[in-house]
Amino acid sequence: MRLPRNISAKQLIRKLREFGYEPTRQSGSHIRLTTERDGQHHITIPQQKQLTIGKINAVLWEMVHHFGIARPDLVKQLFG
């Protein structure tokens, strides 16, 4: 499955809530999300109308390493 090409930071944050991520702080144009699921984990996302594929991919890899989920399964859960 391909990653979406037109997803905003707001949309990604909404999707990450399925994994327990909640905004904990904002510094300038960057939003920090934190989850307590499977131990505490933080992700920082720039607040943009359209995130780059590289940034989306970086967030996914961080989640893969934290949760131990296969990347294709994670993509399917979030965007499938």
Protein backbone atom coordinates (compact mmCIF):
# COMPACT_ATOMS: atom_id res chain seq x y z
CA MET A 1 0.00 0.00 0.00
CA ARG A 2 1.28 3.46 -0.91
CA LEU A 3 1.57 6.30 1.55
CA PRO A 4 -0.90 9.14 1.03
CA ARG A 5 0.52 12.12 -0.84
CA ASN A 6 -1.75 14.83 0.53
CA ILE A 7 -2.04 14.39 4.27
CA SER A 8 -1.83 17.33 6.66
CA ALA A 9 -0.33 17.34 10.14
CA LYS A 10 -3.83 17.64 11.61
CA GLN A 11 -5.00 14.54 9.72
CA LEU A 12 -1.92 12.53 10.75
CA ILE A 13 -2.38 13.50 14.40
CA ARG A 14 -6.00 12.30 14.21
CA LYS A 15 -4.84 8.94 12.82
CA LEU A 16 -2.10 8.55 15.42
CA ARG A 17 -4.65 8.80 18.23
CA GLU A 18 -5.52 5.14 17.45
CA PHE A 19 -2.10 4.31 18.91
CA GLY A 20 -2.60 6.49 21.98
CA TYR A 21 -0.66 9.54 20.76
CA GLU A 22 -1.89 12.84 22.14
CA PRO A 23 -0.42 16.31 21.65
CA THR A 24 1.60 17.21 24.74
CA ARG A 25 3.19 20.47 23.68
CA GLN A 26 3.89 22.78 20.77
CA SER A 27 7.06 24.72 20.15
CA GLY A 28 6.72 27.11 17.23
CA SER A 29 5.37 25.16 14.29
CA HIS A 30 6.21 21.71 15.68
CA ILE A 31 3.79 19.56 17.66
CA ARG A 32 5.05 16.91 20.05
CA LEU A 33 2.89 13.81 20.47
CA THR A 34 3.31 11.33 23.30
CA THR A 35 1.93 7.86 23.92
CA GLU A 36 2.13 5.72 27.03
CA ARG A 37 1.21 2.55 25.12
CA ASP A 38 4.05 -0.02 25.31
CA GLY A 39 6.14 2.51 27.24
CA GLN A 40 6.45 6.24 26.74
CA HIS A 41 7.26 7.39 23.20
CA HIS A 42 7.44 10.85 21.61
CA ILE A 43 7.04 11.94 18.00
CA THR A 44 7.47 15.48 16.69
CA ILE A 45 5.50 16.59 13.64
CA PRO A 46 5.76 19.93 11.82
CA GLN A 47 2.42 21.69 11.59
CA GLN A 48 2.01 21.87 7.81
CA LYS A 49 -0.91 21.70 5.41
CA GLN A 50 0.84 18.96 3.43
CA LEU A 51 3.52 16.76 4.99
CA THR A 52 6.30 15.41 2.82
CA ILE A 53 6.51 11.69 2.14
CA GLY A 54 9.87 11.66 3.91
CA LYS A 55 8.41 13.07 7.13
CA ILE A 56 5.47 10.64 7.08
CA ASN A 57 7.91 7.79 6.46
CA ALA A 58 10.15 8.93 9.34
CA VAL A 59 7.17 8.95 11.72
CA LEU A 60 6.15 5.47 10.57
CA TRP A 61 9.66 4.07 11.12
CA GLU A 62 9.76 5.51 14.62
CA MET A 63 6.45 3.78 15.33
CA VAL A 64 7.66 0.50 13.81
CA HIS A 65 10.65 0.48 16.15
CA HIS A 66 8.62 1.44 19.20
CA PHE A 67 5.64 -0.89 18.74
CA GLY A 68 7.41 -3.76 16.94
CA ILE A 69 4.81 -3.78 14.15
CA ALA A 70 5.70 -4.60 10.56
CA ARG A 71 5.68 -1.44 8.44
CA PRO A 72 3.12 -2.72 5.87
CA ASP A 73 0.75 -3.63 8.71
CA LEU A 74 1.18 -0.20 10.29
CA VAL A 75 0.49 1.56 6.98
CA LYS A 76 -2.61 -0.57 6.49
CA GLN A 77 -3.88 0.23 10.01
CA LEU A 78 -3.36 3.95 9.61
CA PHE A 79 -4.31 4.55 5.98
CA GLY A 80 -6.06 1.36 4.83
